[in-house]
Structure formats: C-alpha cells, structure tokens
Amino acid sequence: MELFDGRPESDEGRLPREIRTYDFLDRLGVEYQRTDHERADNMEACNEIDAVLGVVICKNLFLCNRQKTSFYLLMMPGDKKFKTKELSSQIHSARLSFADPEDMLKYLDIEPGAVSIMGLMNDTDHAVQLLIDEDVLQGDFIGCHPCVCTSSLKMKTEDIIEKFLPAVGHDYKVVHLVGED
C-alpha cells in the first residue's frame, strides 16, 4: 500500500460513488490523503491500513431504532467497544440495532464494509443523524472510506466539521462512550 495525495489519476475500475466522493471533496477544497487496498476483513488488515495512513480509521456504525423510523451514523474510535445501552440513553432511543444493508444503500449509497461519514453527501433528505464520540473530535485527523471499502482517506477533523458537514447540511451530536465491560 502507498499513500497518495488526493484522488486517483484515473477513474478506471472505480465505482461512481467513490468518484463522486473525490469530486465533492475537491469542490470543497478539502485536502486528503488516500491509500488503496483489498477489502479489510480482519483487524490485522485494518491495522496495516491505519499504519499507512498514520491515523486510526473510525469505526462507523449505521444504526436504527426498532421501528426503522430513526437512523443514526455513529463515529467512534476503532478500538472502543460499542454498547447499545450506553448510546441509547444519550439519544433517547430504545432498542437500537444495526440497520439493514438495504437501508444503508437507500440513505447513504454505501454497502456493508464501507460505512463512512462520506455517505452523508448522499443523504439529501437528512434522514440520518450523525453521532460522533467525543474522542474522535480530539484527534487532528479522521480516517474513513470514500464510500467504498477498497480505499481509505485521511482528512483533517476540522475540515470534516467546518467544511464537509455544512456542505452536506448535516449537524452532529457529540456522545460519550466509555466502551468498557
């Protein structure tokens, strides 16, 4: 794996959702570094990607309530455990679970394994609420996928908060997750 500045030289072999991500970031003037890789199916592969990027990629979880009337994108440190009860009380939503892949595609134009904050650019109806663990906001950089699981990006946290989110019309709620047993 290599680290590159910006988008790939060619769009060949890349999915339209990935290219739209680069187009969007470029229009906003958001600088990013990128690495291309195989699908990361285990922690060892994820750790290799993190080492190339020089940042821990966020764990991004796409969640919903039992009735499937509220959807949430949770960004949290990759090494923190997710506890449903801990989050439910903070957002006043009982019975949280992982949303279906069909809903992921419908709202974020993302498939399992590629969930990312970048998908919010596809949520034009603002159906998904963004939740960010406070520890994610402490870092200078955020690592995420460009709507596909075969590339990863490194961007300044401040660019995500001050440029990307206003451009997609999404606000966020800060949550505090301990993640311990």
N, C-alpha and C. Protein backbone atom coordinates (compact mmCIF):
# COMPACT_ATOMS: atom_id res chain seq x y z
N MET A 1 0.83 -1.19 0.00
CA MET A 1 0.00 0.00 0.00
C MET A 1 0.87 1.24 0.00
N GLU A 2 0.41 2.22 -0.74
CA GLU A 2 1.10 3.50 -0.80
C GLU A 2 0.15 4.60 -0.37
N LEU A 3 0.72 5.72 0.07
CA LEU A 3 -0.07 6.87 0.45
C LEU A 3 0.02 7.91 -0.67
N PHE A 4 -1.13 8.36 -1.14
CA PHE A 4 -1.20 9.34 -2.23
C PHE A 4 -1.89 10.59 -1.75
N ASP A 5 -1.52 11.73 -2.32
CA ASP A 5 -2.24 12.97 -2.06
C ASP A 5 -3.37 13.08 -3.07
N GLY A 6 -4.59 13.19 -2.58
CA GLY A 6 -5.74 13.42 -3.44
C GLY A 6 -6.25 12.19 -4.17
N ARG A 7 -7.05 12.47 -5.18
CA ARG A 7 -7.78 11.44 -5.93
C ARG A 7 -6.86 10.61 -6.81
N PRO A 8 -7.36 9.46 -7.27
CA PRO A 8 -6.57 8.63 -8.18
C PRO A 8 -6.36 9.35 -9.52
N GLU A 9 -5.29 9.00 -10.21
CA GLU A 9 -5.02 9.61 -11.51
C GLU A 9 -6.07 9.24 -12.54
N SER A 10 -6.64 8.05 -12.41
CA SER A 10 -7.64 7.57 -13.36
C SER A 10 -8.88 7.09 -12.62
N ASP A 11 -10.04 7.26 -13.25
CA ASP A 11 -11.30 6.77 -12.68
C ASP A 11 -11.56 5.32 -13.07
N GLU A 12 -10.72 4.77 -13.92
CA GLU A 12 -10.92 3.42 -14.43
C GLU A 12 -10.96 2.40 -13.29
N GLY A 13 -11.98 1.55 -13.31
CA GLY A 13 -12.12 0.49 -12.32
C GLY A 13 -12.67 0.97 -10.99
N ARG A 14 -13.07 2.21 -10.90
CA ARG A 14 -13.59 2.78 -9.65
C ARG A 14 -15.11 2.94 -9.76
N LEU A 15 -15.80 2.71 -8.67
CA LEU A 15 -17.25 2.86 -8.65
C LEU A 15 -17.65 4.33 -8.69
N PRO A 16 -18.77 4.64 -9.32
CA PRO A 16 -19.24 6.04 -9.38
C PRO A 16 -19.36 6.69 -8.00
N ARG A 17 -19.77 5.95 -6.97
CA ARG A 17 -19.92 6.54 -5.63
C ARG A 17 -18.57 7.00 -5.09
N GLU A 18 -17.50 6.29 -5.43
CA GLU A 18 -16.16 6.69 -4.99
C GLU A 18 -15.73 7.96 -5.71
N ILE A 19 -15.95 8.01 -7.00
CA ILE A 19 -15.56 9.20 -7.79
C ILE A 19 -16.35 10.42 -7.33
N ARG A 20 -17.65 10.23 -7.03
CA ARG A 20 -18.47 11.35 -6.53
C ARG A 20 -17.89 11.88 -5.22
N THR A 21 -17.36 11.00 -4.40
CA THR A 21 -16.75 11.43 -3.13
C THR A 21 -15.55 12.33 -3.40
N TYR A 22 -14.67 11.91 -4.30
CA TYR A 22 -13.49 12.73 -4.62
C TYR A 22 -13.91 14.06 -5.25
N ASP A 23 -14.89 14.01 -6.15
CA ASP A 23 -15.38 15.24 -6.78
C ASP A 23 -15.89 16.22 -5.72
N PHE A 24 -16.66 15.70 -4.78
CA PHE A 24 -17.26 16.53 -3.73
C PHE A 24 -16.18 17.15 -2.85
N LEU A 25 -15.24 16.34 -2.40
CA LEU A 25 -14.16 16.85 -1.54
C LEU A 25 -13.31 17.88 -2.28
N ASP A 26 -13.04 17.61 -3.56
CA ASP A 26 -12.24 18.55 -4.35
C ASP A 26 -12.96 19.89 -4.52
N ARG A 27 -14.28 19.84 -4.76
CA ARG A 27 -15.06 21.09 -4.89
C ARG A 27 -15.03 21.90 -3.61
N LEU A 28 -15.01 21.21 -2.47
CA LEU A 28 -14.98 21.90 -1.18
C LEU A 28 -13.58 22.41 -0.81
N GLY A 29 -12.58 21.96 -1.53
CA GLY A 29 -11.21 22.33 -1.19
C GLY A 29 -10.69 21.59 0.02
N VAL A 30 -11.23 20.40 0.28
CA VAL A 30 -10.77 19.58 1.39
C VAL A 30 -9.59 18.73 0.92
N GLU A 31 -8.46 18.91 1.58
CA GLU A 31 -7.28 18.11 1.24
C GLU A 31 -7.39 16.76 1.92
N TYR A 32 -6.92 15.73 1.23
CA TYR A 32 -6.98 14.39 1.78
C TYR A 32 -5.86 13.54 1.20
N GLN A 33 -5.47 12.55 1.98
CA GLN A 33 -4.53 11.55 1.51
C GLN A 33 -5.32 10.25 1.36
N ARG A 34 -4.84 9.39 0.47
CA ARG A 34 -5.59 8.18 0.13
C ARG A 34 -4.65 7.00 -0.01
N THR A 35 -5.16 5.85 0.38
CA THR A 35 -4.47 4.59 0.09
C THR A 35 -5.49 3.61 -0.46
N ASP A 36 -5.07 2.81 -1.41
CA ASP A 36 -5.92 1.77 -1.99
C ASP A 36 -5.49 0.43 -1.41
N HIS A 37 -6.46 -0.46 -1.21
CA HIS A 37 -6.16 -1.74 -0.56
C HIS A 37 -7.25 -2.75 -0.87
N GLU A 38 -6.99 -3.97 -0.49
CA GLU A 38 -8.01 -5.01 -0.58
C GLU A 38 -9.05 -4.76 0.51
N ARG A 39 -10.19 -5.37 0.37
CA ARG A 39 -11.22 -5.26 1.41
C ARG A 39 -10.61 -5.75 2.73
N ALA A 40 -10.75 -4.96 3.78
CA ALA A 40 -10.18 -5.31 5.09
C ALA A 40 -11.21 -6.11 5.88
N ASP A 41 -11.01 -7.41 5.98
CA ASP A 41 -11.96 -8.28 6.65
C ASP A 41 -11.55 -8.67 8.07
N ASN A 42 -10.39 -8.17 8.52
CA ASN A 42 -9.95 -8.51 9.87
C ASN A 42 -9.14 -7.35 10.45
N MET A 43 -8.91 -7.41 11.75
CA MET A 43 -8.21 -6.32 12.43
C MET A 43 -6.77 -6.16 11.95
N GLU A 44 -6.13 -7.26 11.58
CA GLU A 44 -4.74 -7.18 11.09
C GLU A 44 -4.68 -6.32 9.83
N ALA A 45 -5.61 -6.54 8.92
CA ALA A 45 -5.65 -5.75 7.68
C ALA A 45 -5.96 -4.28 7.99
N CYS A 46 -6.88 -4.06 8.92
CA CYS A 46 -7.22 -2.68 9.32
C CYS A 46 -6.01 -1.98 9.93
N ASN A 47 -5.26 -2.70 10.75
CA ASN A 47 -4.07 -2.12 11.37
C ASN A 47 -3.03 -1.73 10.32
N GLU A 48 -2.89 -2.52 9.25
CA GLU A 48 -1.96 -2.19 8.17
C GLU A 48 -2.39 -0.89 7.47
N ILE A 49 -3.69 -0.76 7.22
CA ILE A 49 -4.21 0.46 6.58
C ILE A 49 -3.98 1.66 7.48
N ASP A 50 -4.27 1.51 8.77
CA ASP A 50 -4.05 2.59 9.74
C ASP A 50 -2.58 3.03 9.74
N ALA A 51 -1.66 2.07 9.66
CA ALA A 51 -0.23 2.39 9.67
C ALA A 51 0.16 3.20 8.44
N VAL A 52 -0.39 2.85 7.29
CA VAL A 52 -0.09 3.60 6.06
C VAL A 52 -0.63 5.03 6.16
N LEU A 53 -1.87 5.16 6.66
CA LEU A 53 -2.49 6.48 6.78
C LEU A 53 -1.91 7.31 7.92
N GLY A 54 -1.38 6.63 8.93
CA GLY A 54 -0.87 7.35 10.09
C GLY A 54 -2.01 7.84 10.99
N VAL A 55 -3.15 7.16 10.94
CA VAL A 55 -4.31 7.52 11.76
C VAL A 55 -5.17 6.26 11.91
N VAL A 56 -5.89 6.19 13.01
CA VAL A 56 -6.80 5.07 13.21
C VAL A 56 -8.12 5.39 12.49
N ILE A 57 -8.53 4.51 11.61
CA ILE A 57 -9.80 4.71 10.92
C ILE A 57 -10.93 4.56 11.92
N CYS A 58 -11.89 5.48 11.83
CA CYS A 58 -13.04 5.44 12.74
C CYS A 58 -13.87 4.19 12.50
N LYS A 59 -14.44 3.71 13.59
CA LYS A 59 -15.47 2.68 13.48
C LYS A 59 -16.75 3.44 13.16
N ASN A 60 -17.40 3.09 12.07
CA ASN A 60 -18.63 3.75 11.65
C ASN A 60 -19.75 2.73 11.68
N LEU A 61 -20.76 2.98 12.49
CA LEU A 61 -21.87 2.06 12.63
C LEU A 61 -23.16 2.72 12.15
N PHE A 62 -23.90 2.01 11.31
CA PHE A 62 -25.18 2.51 10.82
C PHE A 62 -26.27 1.82 11.62
N LEU A 63 -26.99 2.59 12.41
CA LEU A 63 -27.93 2.06 13.38
C LEU A 63 -29.35 2.57 13.12
N CYS A 64 -30.31 1.89 13.70
CA CYS A 64 -31.70 2.36 13.62
C CYS A 64 -32.46 1.94 14.86
N ASN A 65 -33.61 2.57 15.07
CA ASN A 65 -34.48 2.14 16.15
C ASN A 65 -35.29 0.94 15.67
N ARG A 66 -36.02 0.32 16.58
CA ARG A 66 -36.75 -0.89 16.24
C ARG A 66 -37.77 -0.66 15.12
N GLN A 67 -38.42 0.49 15.13
CA GLN A 67 -39.45 0.79 14.13
C GLN A 67 -38.89 1.20 12.77
N LYS A 68 -37.59 1.40 12.72
CA LYS A 68 -36.90 1.86 11.50
C LYS A 68 -37.44 3.22 11.06
N THR A 69 -37.68 4.09 12.07
CA THR A 69 -38.12 5.45 11.77
C THR A 69 -37.01 6.46 12.04
N SER A 70 -35.97 6.04 12.74
CA SER A 70 -34.82 6.89 13.02
C SER A 70 -33.55 6.13 12.69
N PHE A 71 -32.68 6.80 11.94
CA PHE A 71 -31.41 6.20 11.54
C PHE A 71 -30.26 7.05 12.05
N TYR A 72 -29.17 6.39 12.41
CA TYR A 72 -28.02 7.06 13.01
C TYR A 72 -26.73 6.54 12.39
N LEU A 73 -25.79 7.45 12.18
CA LEU A 73 -24.44 7.07 11.80
C LEU A 73 -23.56 7.44 12.98
N LEU A 74 -22.98 6.43 13.61
CA LEU A 74 -22.13 6.63 14.78
C LEU A 74 -20.67 6.50 14.38
N MET A 75 -19.89 7.54 14.69
CA MET A 75 -18.44 7.50 14.50
C MET A 75 -17.80 7.39 15.88
N MET A 76 -16.95 6.37 16.01
CA MET A 76 -16.28 6.17 17.28
C MET A 76 -14.88 5.61 17.03
N PRO A 77 -13.99 5.72 18.02
CA PRO A 77 -12.65 5.17 17.83
C PRO A 77 -12.74 3.68 17.52
N GLY A 78 -11.89 3.22 16.63
CA GLY A 78 -11.92 1.83 16.21
C GLY A 78 -11.61 0.84 17.31
N ASP A 79 -10.92 1.28 18.35
CA ASP A 79 -10.53 0.36 19.41
C ASP A 79 -11.50 0.38 20.60
N LYS A 80 -12.58 1.13 20.49
CA LYS A 80 -13.57 1.21 21.57
C LYS A 80 -14.71 0.24 21.31
N LYS A 81 -15.18 -0.41 22.36
CA LYS A 81 -16.30 -1.34 22.22
C LYS A 81 -17.61 -0.57 22.18
N PHE A 82 -18.54 -1.05 21.37
CA PHE A 82 -19.85 -0.43 21.25
C PHE A 82 -20.84 -1.09 22.19
N LYS A 83 -21.48 -0.29 23.01
CA LYS A 83 -22.50 -0.77 23.94
C LYS A 83 -23.80 -0.05 23.61
N THR A 84 -24.77 -0.80 23.12
CA THR A 84 -26.05 -0.23 22.71
C THR A 84 -26.70 0.58 23.82
N LYS A 85 -26.74 0.01 25.01
CA LYS A 85 -27.41 0.66 26.15
C LYS A 85 -26.78 2.02 26.45
N GLU A 86 -25.47 2.08 26.35
CA GLU A 86 -24.74 3.31 26.65
C GLU A 86 -25.16 4.45 25.70
N LEU A 87 -25.35 4.12 24.44
CA LEU A 87 -25.73 5.12 23.45
C LEU A 87 -27.23 5.43 23.51
N SER A 88 -28.04 4.41 23.67
CA SER A 88 -29.50 4.58 23.69
C SER A 88 -29.95 5.65 24.67
N SER A 89 -29.39 5.63 25.87
CA SER A 89 -29.80 6.60 26.88
C SER A 89 -29.42 8.04 26.49
N GLN A 90 -28.32 8.20 25.79
CA GLN A 90 -27.88 9.54 25.41
C GLN A 90 -28.70 10.15 24.28
N ILE A 91 -29.23 9.31 23.41
CA ILE A 91 -30.00 9.84 22.27
C ILE A 91 -31.50 9.59 22.43
N HIS A 92 -31.88 9.05 23.60
CA HIS A 92 -33.29 8.80 23.92
C HIS A 92 -33.98 7.95 22.86
N SER A 93 -33.32 6.86 22.49
CA SER A 93 -33.88 5.93 21.52
C SER A 93 -33.62 4.50 22.00
N ALA A 94 -34.69 3.86 22.42
CA ALA A 94 -34.55 2.49 22.90
C ALA A 94 -34.47 1.51 21.73
N ARG A 95 -33.97 0.35 22.02
CA ARG A 95 -33.93 -0.74 21.05
C ARG A 95 -33.14 -0.42 19.79
N LEU A 96 -31.97 0.12 19.95
CA LEU A 96 -31.10 0.37 18.80
C LEU A 96 -30.56 -0.94 18.27
N SER A 97 -30.42 -1.02 16.96
CA SER A 97 -29.80 -2.18 16.35
C SER A 97 -29.11 -1.74 15.06
N PHE A 98 -28.38 -2.66 14.45
CA PHE A 98 -27.73 -2.34 13.19
C PHE A 98 -28.80 -2.28 12.10
N ALA A 99 -28.72 -1.26 11.28
CA ALA A 99 -29.68 -1.10 10.19
C ALA A 99 -29.38 -2.12 9.09
N ASP A 100 -30.37 -2.40 8.29
CA ASP A 100 -30.24 -3.35 7.19
C ASP A 100 -29.37 -2.79 6.07
N PRO A 101 -28.68 -3.66 5.35
CA PRO A 101 -27.89 -3.21 4.20
C PRO A 101 -28.73 -2.43 3.17
N GLU A 102 -29.99 -2.79 3.02
CA GLU A 102 -30.86 -2.08 2.07
C GLU A 102 -31.05 -0.62 2.50
N ASP A 103 -31.17 -0.37 3.79
CA ASP A 103 -31.31 0.99 4.28
C ASP A 103 -30.00 1.77 4.13
N MET A 104 -28.90 1.08 4.33
CA MET A 104 -27.58 1.68 4.15
C MET A 104 -27.44 2.19 2.70
N LEU A 105 -27.85 1.36 1.77
CA LEU A 105 -27.79 1.72 0.35
C LEU A 105 -28.78 2.84 0.04
N LYS A 106 -29.97 2.74 0.58
CA LYS A 106 -31.03 3.73 0.33
C LYS A 106 -30.64 5.12 0.82
N TYR A 107 -30.14 5.22 2.04
CA TYR A 107 -29.88 6.52 2.64
C TYR A 107 -28.47 7.07 2.39
N LEU A 108 -27.48 6.18 2.36
CA LEU A 108 -26.09 6.64 2.26
C LEU A 108 -25.39 6.24 0.96
N ASP A 109 -26.04 5.41 0.14
CA ASP A 109 -25.43 4.86 -1.07
C ASP A 109 -24.10 4.19 -0.75
N ILE A 110 -24.15 3.37 0.31
CA ILE A 110 -22.97 2.64 0.79
C ILE A 110 -23.38 1.20 1.08
N GLU A 111 -22.43 0.30 0.86
CA GLU A 111 -22.67 -1.11 1.16
C GLU A 111 -21.92 -1.50 2.42
N PRO A 112 -22.31 -2.60 3.07
CA PRO A 112 -21.62 -3.04 4.29
C PRO A 112 -20.10 -3.14 4.07
N GLY A 113 -19.37 -2.69 5.07
CA GLY A 113 -17.91 -2.70 4.99
C GLY A 113 -17.34 -1.37 4.56
N ALA A 114 -18.20 -0.49 4.03
CA ALA A 114 -17.72 0.81 3.55
C ALA A 114 -18.42 1.98 4.24
N VAL A 115 -19.11 1.71 5.34
CA VAL A 115 -19.85 2.78 6.03
C VAL A 115 -18.88 3.90 6.40
N SER A 116 -19.30 5.12 6.13
CA SER A 116 -18.41 6.26 6.31
C SER A 116 -19.22 7.54 6.39
N ILE A 117 -18.65 8.53 7.04
CA ILE A 117 -19.26 9.86 7.10
C ILE A 117 -19.44 10.44 5.69
N MET A 118 -18.64 9.99 4.74
CA MET A 118 -18.76 10.48 3.37
C MET A 118 -20.12 10.15 2.77
N GLY A 119 -20.78 9.11 3.26
CA GLY A 119 -22.10 8.74 2.76
C GLY A 119 -23.15 9.81 3.02
N LEU A 120 -22.89 10.71 3.98
CA LEU A 120 -23.87 11.76 4.27
C LEU A 120 -24.08 12.69 3.08
N MET A 121 -23.13 12.73 2.15
CA MET A 121 -23.33 13.56 0.96
C MET A 121 -24.46 13.01 0.09
N ASN A 122 -24.81 11.75 0.29
CA ASN A 122 -25.90 11.12 -0.46
C ASN A 122 -27.23 11.18 0.28
N ASP A 123 -27.23 11.61 1.52
CA ASP A 123 -28.44 11.69 2.34
C ASP A 123 -29.07 13.07 2.19
N THR A 124 -29.61 13.34 1.03
CA THR A 124 -30.16 14.67 0.73
C THR A 124 -31.45 14.97 1.49
N ASP A 125 -32.11 13.93 1.99
CA ASP A 125 -33.33 14.14 2.78
C ASP A 125 -33.03 14.28 4.28
N HIS A 126 -31.77 14.18 4.64
CA HIS A 126 -31.32 14.31 6.03
C HIS A 126 -32.06 13.34 6.96
N ALA A 127 -32.14 12.12 6.52
CA ALA A 127 -32.83 11.06 7.28
C ALA A 127 -31.92 10.45 8.34
N VAL A 128 -30.62 10.67 8.22
CA VAL A 128 -29.65 10.05 9.12
C VAL A 128 -29.07 11.11 10.06
N GLN A 129 -29.10 10.80 11.36
CA GLN A 129 -28.50 11.70 12.34
C GLN A 129 -27.07 11.24 12.62
N LEU A 130 -26.13 12.17 12.56
CA LEU A 130 -24.73 11.87 12.82
C LEU A 130 -24.44 11.99 14.31
N LEU A 131 -23.82 10.94 14.86
CA LEU A 131 -23.39 10.90 16.25
C LEU A 131 -21.88 10.70 16.24
N ILE A 132 -21.16 11.55 16.96
CA ILE A 132 -19.70 11.44 16.99
C ILE A 132 -19.24 11.30 18.44
N ASP A 133 -18.52 10.23 18.72
CA ASP A 133 -17.95 10.07 20.05
C ASP A 133 -16.94 11.19 20.28
N GLU A 134 -16.96 11.75 21.47
CA GLU A 134 -16.10 12.91 21.79
C GLU A 134 -14.62 12.63 21.54
N ASP A 135 -14.18 11.39 21.68
CA ASP A 135 -12.77 11.07 21.46
C ASP A 135 -12.36 11.24 20.00
N VAL A 136 -13.28 11.02 19.07
CA VAL A 136 -12.99 11.21 17.65
C VAL A 136 -12.65 12.68 17.38
N LEU A 137 -13.37 13.57 18.05
CA LEU A 137 -13.18 15.01 17.82
C LEU A 137 -11.87 15.53 18.42
N GLN A 138 -11.25 14.75 19.28
CA GLN A 138 -9.98 15.17 19.91
C GLN A 138 -8.79 15.02 18.96
N GLY A 139 -8.92 14.14 17.97
CA GLY A 139 -7.81 13.91 17.06
C GLY A 139 -7.72 14.97 15.97
N ASP A 140 -6.53 15.19 15.46
CA ASP A 140 -6.33 16.15 14.37
C ASP A 140 -6.84 15.63 13.04
N PHE A 141 -6.86 14.30 12.90
CA PHE A 141 -7.25 13.70 11.63
C PHE A 141 -8.31 12.62 11.83
N ILE A 142 -9.08 12.40 10.77
CA ILE A 142 -10.07 11.33 10.74
C ILE A 142 -9.75 10.44 9.55
N GLY A 143 -9.82 9.15 9.76
CA GLY A 143 -9.67 8.19 8.67
C GLY A 143 -11.01 7.58 8.35
N CYS A 144 -11.34 7.48 7.06
CA CYS A 144 -12.63 6.90 6.65
C CYS A 144 -12.55 6.40 5.21
N HIS A 145 -13.58 5.71 4.79
CA HIS A 145 -13.67 5.22 3.42
C HIS A 145 -14.36 6.25 2.52
N PRO A 146 -13.99 6.30 1.25
CA PRO A 146 -14.67 7.17 0.28
C PRO A 146 -15.87 6.46 -0.34
N CYS A 147 -16.74 5.91 0.50
CA CYS A 147 -17.97 5.21 0.09
C CYS A 147 -17.71 3.85 -0.56
N VAL A 148 -16.48 3.38 -0.50
CA VAL A 148 -16.12 2.03 -0.95
C VAL A 148 -15.13 1.47 0.07
N CYS A 149 -15.04 0.15 0.16
CA CYS A 149 -14.18 -0.46 1.18
C CYS A 149 -12.79 -0.83 0.66
N THR A 150 -12.44 -0.37 -0.53
CA THR A 150 -11.14 -0.71 -1.11
C THR A 150 -10.19 0.50 -1.18
N SER A 151 -10.60 1.58 -0.57
CA SER A 151 -9.76 2.77 -0.42
C SER A 151 -10.05 3.39 0.93
N SER A 152 -9.08 4.11 1.47
CA SER A 152 -9.27 4.81 2.73
C SER A 152 -8.65 6.19 2.62
N LEU A 153 -9.25 7.13 3.35
CA LEU A 153 -8.82 8.53 3.30
C LEU A 153 -8.39 9.01 4.68
N LYS A 154 -7.52 10.01 4.67
CA LYS A 154 -7.12 10.72 5.88
C LYS A 154 -7.37 12.20 5.64
N MET A 155 -8.19 12.80 6.50
CA MET A 155 -8.53 14.21 6.37
C MET A 155 -8.45 14.90 7.73
N LYS A 156 -8.27 16.20 7.72
CA LYS A 156 -8.27 16.95 8.96
C LYS A 156 -9.67 16.92 9.56
N THR A 157 -9.73 16.68 10.85
CA THR A 157 -11.00 16.67 11.57
C THR A 157 -11.71 18.00 11.39
N GLU A 158 -10.96 19.07 11.46
CA GLU A 158 -11.56 20.40 11.33
C GLU A 158 -12.19 20.61 9.94
N ASP A 159 -11.62 20.01 8.89
CA ASP A 159 -12.22 20.11 7.55
C ASP A 159 -13.55 19.36 7.48
N ILE A 160 -13.62 18.22 8.17
CA ILE A 160 -14.87 17.45 8.21
C ILE A 160 -15.95 18.28 8.90
N ILE A 161 -15.61 18.85 10.05
CA ILE A 161 -16.58 19.59 10.86
C ILE A 161 -16.93 20.94 10.23
N GLU A 162 -15.94 21.66 9.73
CA GLU A 162 -16.18 23.03 9.27
C GLU A 162 -16.47 23.18 7.78
N LYS A 163 -16.10 22.20 6.98
CA LYS A 163 -16.36 22.29 5.53
C LYS A 163 -17.35 21.23 5.04
N PHE A 164 -17.05 19.96 5.34
CA PHE A 164 -17.86 18.87 4.79
C PHE A 164 -19.29 18.88 5.35
N LEU A 165 -19.42 18.88 6.67
CA LEU A 165 -20.76 18.79 7.26
C LEU A 165 -21.65 19.97 6.87
N PRO A 166 -21.18 21.21 6.91
CA PRO A 166 -22.05 22.30 6.45
C PRO A 166 -22.44 22.15 4.97
N ALA A 167 -21.53 21.64 4.16
CA ALA A 167 -21.82 21.47 2.72
C ALA A 167 -22.90 20.42 2.47
N VAL A 168 -22.96 19.40 3.33
CA VAL A 168 -23.99 18.36 3.16
C VAL A 168 -25.23 18.65 3.99
N GLY A 169 -25.20 19.75 4.76
CA GLY A 169 -26.35 20.16 5.54
C GLY A 169 -26.65 19.28 6.73
N HIS A 170 -25.60 18.68 7.28
CA HIS A 170 -25.77 17.81 8.44
C HIS A 170 -25.11 18.42 9.67
N ASP A 171 -25.79 18.32 10.77
CA ASP A 171 -25.22 18.69 12.06
C ASP A 171 -24.81 17.38 12.74
N TYR A 172 -24.27 17.47 13.93
CA TYR A 172 -23.90 16.25 14.63
C TYR A 172 -24.15 16.43 16.12
N LYS A 173 -24.28 15.30 16.78
CA LYS A 173 -24.44 15.27 18.23
C LYS A 173 -23.22 14.56 18.79
N VAL A 174 -22.61 15.18 19.79
CA VAL A 174 -21.46 14.57 20.45
C VAL A 174 -21.98 13.60 21.52
N VAL A 175 -21.43 12.38 21.52
CA VAL A 175 -21.79 11.39 22.53
C VAL A 175 -20.55 10.96 23.29
N HIS A 176 -20.78 10.46 24.47
CA HIS A 176 -19.68 9.99 25.33
C HIS A 176 -19.85 8.48 25.53
N LEU A 177 -18.95 7.73 24.92
CA LEU A 177 -18.99 6.27 25.03
C LEU A 177 -17.78 5.79 25.79
N VAL A 178 -18.00 5.04 26.85
CA VAL A 178 -16.91 4.50 27.64
C VAL A 178 -16.38 3.23 26.99
N GLY A 179 -17.32 2.38 26.58
CA GLY A 179 -16.95 1.17 25.86
C GLY A 179 -16.26 0.10 26.66
N GLU A 180 -16.35 0.18 27.99
CA GLU A 180 -15.70 -0.84 28.82
C GLU A 180 -16.73 -1.85 29.31
N ASP A 181 -16.24 -3.02 29.65
CA ASP A 181 -17.14 -4.06 30.19
C ASP A 181 -17.55 -3.74 31.62
